[in-house]
Amino acid sequence: MNRRARILLIDDDRSFVEATKTVLESQPYDIFVAYDGDEGLRKAREVTPDLILLDVIMPVKDGFAAAEQLKKDPRLASIPTLMLTSFASQRAGTGIPAGRGLSLEAEDYIDKPVSPQDLLSTVARYLKKAGF
């Protein structure tokens, strides 16, 4: 493929988004951003990304609900979706059931905080599988 990989980053923490976007932009990727699940779904349909990084704990629509909708959309279902989250350590305060992610069809979970090197290597691994 000659074009740059498109990555959609969906997270409500604007500081985290800016830092993560900077890390991802160190590679030949085009980065798109959304700050909640609903906006993320709209943006995914608009740009058809090659990979989605999706937070779990967000207002409006949590990441599990957004991922479920992504996987039900025939145009988006095959896009690798990586859950980038601190859900494991913050679950008790979220109101989201612990088992909610078990049936999810996400390709991987990445715990926050994540080092830039680990994030880039995981993203590269999934993009390689997608032909980049």
C-alpha atoms as a PDB file:
ATOM      1  CA  MET A   1       0.000   0.000   0.000  1.00  0.00           C
ATOM      2  CA  ASN A   2       1.264   3.435  -0.857  1.00  0.00           C
ATOM      3  CA  ARG A   3      -0.974   5.479   1.393  1.00  0.00           C
ATOM      4  CA  ARG A   4      -0.377   6.223   5.056  1.00  0.00           C
ATOM      5  CA  ALA A   5      -2.255   4.184   7.634  1.00  0.00           C
ATOM      6  CA  ARG A   6      -5.222   6.002   9.190  1.00  0.00           C
ATOM      7  CA  ILE A   7      -5.622   5.613  12.953  1.00  0.00           C
ATOM      8  CA  LEU A   8      -8.678   6.758  14.877  1.00  0.00           C
ATOM      9  CA  LEU A   9      -8.007   7.580  18.538  1.00  0.00           C
ATOM     10  CA  ILE A  10     -11.168   7.745  20.683  1.00  0.00           C
ATOM     11  CA  ASP A  11     -10.626   8.963  24.248  1.00  0.00           C
ATOM     12  CA  ASP A  12     -12.212  11.654  26.432  1.00  0.00           C
ATOM     13  CA  ASP A  13      -8.943  12.637  28.171  1.00  0.00           C
ATOM     14  CA  ARG A  14      -7.695  15.508  26.031  1.00  0.00           C
ATOM     15  CA  SER A  15      -4.203  15.519  27.577  1.00  0.00           C
ATOM     16  CA  PHE A  16      -3.842  11.796  26.912  1.00  0.00           C
ATOM     17  CA  VAL A  17      -5.128  12.285  23.356  1.00  0.00           C
ATOM     18  CA  GLU A  18      -2.575  15.007  22.612  1.00  0.00           C
ATOM     19  CA  ALA A  19       0.322  12.997  24.069  1.00  0.00           C
ATOM     20  CA  THR A  20      -0.737   9.803  22.276  1.00  0.00           C
ATOM     21  CA  LYS A  21      -1.318  11.649  19.015  1.00  0.00           C
ATOM     22  CA  THR A  22       2.216  13.075  19.226  1.00  0.00           C
ATOM     23  CA  VAL A  23       3.654   9.571  19.757  1.00  0.00           C
ATOM     24  CA  LEU A  24       1.663   8.123  16.849  1.00  0.00           C
ATOM     25  CA  GLU A  25       2.572  11.022  14.552  1.00  0.00           C
ATOM     26  CA  SER A  26       6.238  10.076  14.981  1.00  0.00           C
ATOM     27  CA  GLN A  27       5.406   7.347  12.449  1.00  0.00           C
ATOM     28  CA  PRO A  28       3.954   7.729   8.948  1.00  0.00           C
ATOM     29  CA  TYR A  29       0.352   7.604  10.209  1.00  0.00           C
ATOM     30  CA  ASP A  30      -2.600   9.944   9.718  1.00  0.00           C
ATOM     31  CA  ILE A  31      -4.279  10.409  13.102  1.00  0.00           C
ATOM     32  CA  PHE A  32      -7.953  11.240  13.587  1.00  0.00           C
ATOM     33  CA  VAL A  33      -9.417  12.014  17.003  1.00  0.00           C
ATOM     34  CA  ALA A  34     -12.791  11.722  18.708  1.00  0.00           C
ATOM     35  CA  TYR A  35     -13.574  12.499  22.347  1.00  0.00           C
ATOM     36  CA  ASP A  36     -16.508  10.154  23.054  1.00  0.00           C
ATOM     37  CA  GLY A  37     -18.048   6.968  21.704  1.00  0.00           C
ATOM     38  CA  ASP A  38     -20.740   8.627  19.579  1.00  0.00           C
ATOM     39  CA  GLU A  39     -18.262  11.020  17.962  1.00  0.00           C
ATOM     40  CA  GLY A  40     -15.916   8.065  17.442  1.00  0.00           C
ATOM     41  CA  LEU A  41     -18.572   6.094  15.572  1.00  0.00           C
ATOM     42  CA  ARG A  42     -19.350   9.083  13.340  1.00  0.00           C
ATOM     43  CA  LYS A  43     -15.642   9.665  12.656  1.00  0.00           C
ATOM     44  CA  ALA A  44     -15.050   5.948  11.915  1.00  0.00           C
ATOM     45  CA  ARG A  45     -17.834   6.006   9.314  1.00  0.00           C
ATOM     46  CA  GLU A  46     -16.436   9.227   7.854  1.00  0.00           C
ATOM     47  CA  VAL A  47     -12.733   8.303   7.530  1.00  0.00           C
ATOM     48  CA  THR A  48     -12.799   4.453   7.538  1.00  0.00           C
ATOM     49  CA  PRO A  49      -9.609   4.107   9.594  1.00  0.00           C
ATOM     50  CA  ASP A  50      -7.182   1.203   9.324  1.00  0.00           C
ATOM     51  CA  LEU A  51      -6.967   0.845  13.113  1.00  0.00           C
ATOM     52  CA  ILE A  52      -8.970   2.155  16.066  1.00  0.00           C
ATOM     53  CA  LEU A  53      -7.594   2.895  19.542  1.00  0.00           C
ATOM     54  CA  LEU A  54     -10.580   3.067  21.861  1.00  0.00           C
ATOM     55  CA  ASP A  55     -10.812   4.049  25.532  1.00  0.00           C
ATOM     56  CA  VAL A  56     -13.338   2.201  27.715  1.00  0.00           C
ATOM     57  CA  ILE A  57     -14.261   4.780  30.358  1.00  0.00           C
ATOM     58  CA  MET A  58     -15.918   7.702  28.561  1.00  0.00           C
ATOM     59  CA  PRO A  59     -19.075   9.775  28.967  1.00  0.00           C
ATOM     60  CA  VAL A  60     -21.973   9.594  26.487  1.00  0.00           C
ATOM     61  CA  LYS A  61     -21.101   6.093  25.221  1.00  0.00           C
ATOM     62  CA  ASP A  62     -18.460   3.930  26.880  1.00  0.00           C
ATOM     63  CA  GLY A  63     -15.862   2.132  24.807  1.00  0.00           C
ATOM     64  CA  PHE A  64     -17.510  -1.268  25.142  1.00  0.00           C
ATOM     65  CA  ALA A  65     -20.776   0.071  23.682  1.00  0.00           C
ATOM     66  CA  ALA A  66     -18.898   1.894  20.915  1.00  0.00           C
ATOM     67  CA  ALA A  67     -16.851  -1.214  20.050  1.00  0.00           C
ATOM     68  CA  GLU A  68     -20.007  -3.312  19.925  1.00  0.00           C
ATOM     69  CA  GLN A  69     -21.531  -0.892  17.409  1.00  0.00           C
ATOM     70  CA  LEU A  70     -18.323  -0.773  15.362  1.00  0.00           C
ATOM     71  CA  LYS A  71     -18.281  -4.567  15.074  1.00  0.00           C
ATOM     72  CA  LYS A  72     -21.950  -4.646  14.009  1.00  0.00           C
ATOM     73  CA  ASP A  73     -21.344  -2.218  11.122  1.00  0.00           C
ATOM     74  CA  PRO A  74     -20.347  -4.254   8.022  1.00  0.00           C
ATOM     75  CA  ARG A  75     -18.123  -1.410   6.750  1.00  0.00           C
ATOM     76  CA  LEU A  76     -16.227  -1.165  10.060  1.00  0.00           C
ATOM     77  CA  ALA A  77     -16.344  -4.681  11.495  1.00  0.00           C
ATOM     78  CA  SER A  78     -12.983  -5.805  10.102  1.00  0.00           C
ATOM     79  CA  ILE A  79     -11.049  -2.771  11.386  1.00  0.00           C
ATOM     80  CA  PRO A  80      -8.695  -3.833  14.197  1.00  0.00           C
ATOM     81  CA  THR A  81      -9.967  -2.265  17.417  1.00  0.00           C
ATOM     82  CA  LEU A  82      -7.548  -1.993  20.324  1.00  0.00           C
ATOM     83  CA  MET A  83      -8.971  -1.084  23.718  1.00  0.00           C
ATOM     84  CA  LEU A  84      -6.550   1.409  25.256  1.00  0.00           C
ATOM     85  CA  THR A  85      -7.686   1.723  28.837  1.00  0.00           C
ATOM     86  CA  SER A  86      -7.166   1.972  32.558  1.00  0.00           C
ATOM     87  CA  PHE A  87     -10.430   0.061  33.059  1.00  0.00           C
ATOM     88  CA  ALA A  88      -8.718  -2.801  34.923  1.00  0.00           C
ATOM     89  CA  SER A  89      -7.524  -0.460  37.669  1.00  0.00           C
ATOM     90  CA  GLN A  90     -10.549   1.885  37.724  1.00  0.00           C
ATOM     91  CA  ARG A  91     -13.424  -0.547  37.117  1.00  0.00           C
ATOM     92  CA  ALA A  92     -14.973  -0.174  40.593  1.00  0.00           C
ATOM     93  CA  GLY A  93     -15.675   3.529  40.151  1.00  0.00           C
ATOM     94  CA  THR A  94     -17.124   3.313  36.650  1.00  0.00           C
ATOM     95  CA  GLY A  95     -20.471   1.569  37.009  1.00  0.00           C
ATOM     96  CA  ILE A  96     -19.442  -0.661  34.088  1.00  0.00           C
ATOM     97  CA  PRO A  97     -19.803  -4.379  34.944  1.00  0.00           C
ATOM     98  CA  ALA A  98     -16.522  -6.287  35.190  1.00  0.00           C
ATOM     99  CA  GLY A  99     -17.651  -8.908  32.665  1.00  0.00           C
ATOM    100  CA  ARG A 100     -18.692  -6.341  30.066  1.00  0.00           C
ATOM    101  CA  GLY A 101     -15.502  -6.699  28.019  1.00  0.00           C
ATOM    102  CA  LEU A 102     -15.362 -10.481  27.996  1.00  0.00           C
ATOM    103  CA  SER A 103     -17.697 -10.907  25.028  1.00  0.00           C
ATOM    104  CA  LEU A 104     -16.232  -7.972  23.145  1.00  0.00           C
ATOM    105  CA  GLU A 105     -14.653  -8.619  19.775  1.00  0.00           C
ATOM    106  CA  ALA A 106     -11.751  -6.203  20.272  1.00  0.00           C
ATOM    107  CA  GLU A 107      -8.472  -7.471  18.897  1.00  0.00           C
ATOM    108  CA  ASP A 108      -6.440  -6.487  21.943  1.00  0.00           C
ATOM    109  CA  TYR A 109      -6.343  -4.602  25.240  1.00  0.00           C
ATOM    110  CA  ILE A 110      -3.568  -2.174  26.098  1.00  0.00           C
ATOM    111  CA  ASP A 111      -3.372  -1.032  29.723  1.00  0.00           C
ATOM    112  CA  LYS A 112      -2.797   2.649  30.495  1.00  0.00           C
ATOM    113  CA  PRO A 113      -0.284   3.944  31.155  1.00  0.00           C
ATOM    114  CA  VAL A 114       1.510   2.512  28.128  1.00  0.00           C
ATOM    115  CA  SER A 115       5.039   3.384  27.084  1.00  0.00           C
ATOM    116  CA  PRO A 116       5.420   5.034  23.684  1.00  0.00           C
ATOM    117  CA  GLN A 117       7.534   2.085  22.495  1.00  0.00           C
ATOM    118  CA  ASP A 118       4.918  -0.496  23.528  1.00  0.00           C
ATOM    119  CA  LEU A 119       2.120   1.513  21.940  1.00  0.00           C
ATOM    120  CA  LEU A 120       4.009   1.919  18.661  1.00  0.00           C
ATOM    121  CA  SER A 121       5.024  -1.745  18.486  1.00  0.00           C
ATOM    122  CA  THR A 122       1.462  -2.945  19.158  1.00  0.00           C
ATOM    123  CA  VAL A 123       0.004  -0.548  16.589  1.00  0.00           C
ATOM    124  CA  ALA A 124       2.655  -1.582  14.036  1.00  0.00           C
ATOM    125  CA  ARG A 125       1.912  -5.278  14.626  1.00  0.00           C
ATOM    126  CA  TYR A 126      -1.805  -4.848  13.896  1.00  0.00           C
ATOM    127  CA  LEU A 127      -1.214  -2.555  10.927  1.00  0.00           C
ATOM    128  CA  LYS A 128       1.191  -5.113   9.461  1.00  0.00           C
ATOM    129  CA  LYS A 129      -1.575  -7.729   9.648  1.00  0.00           C
ATOM    130  CA  ALA A 130      -3.799  -5.236   7.808  1.00  0.00           C
ATOM    131  CA  GLY A 131      -1.266  -4.900   5.000  1.00  0.00           C
ATOM    132  CA  PHE A 132       0.779  -1.856   6.054  1.00  0.00           C
END
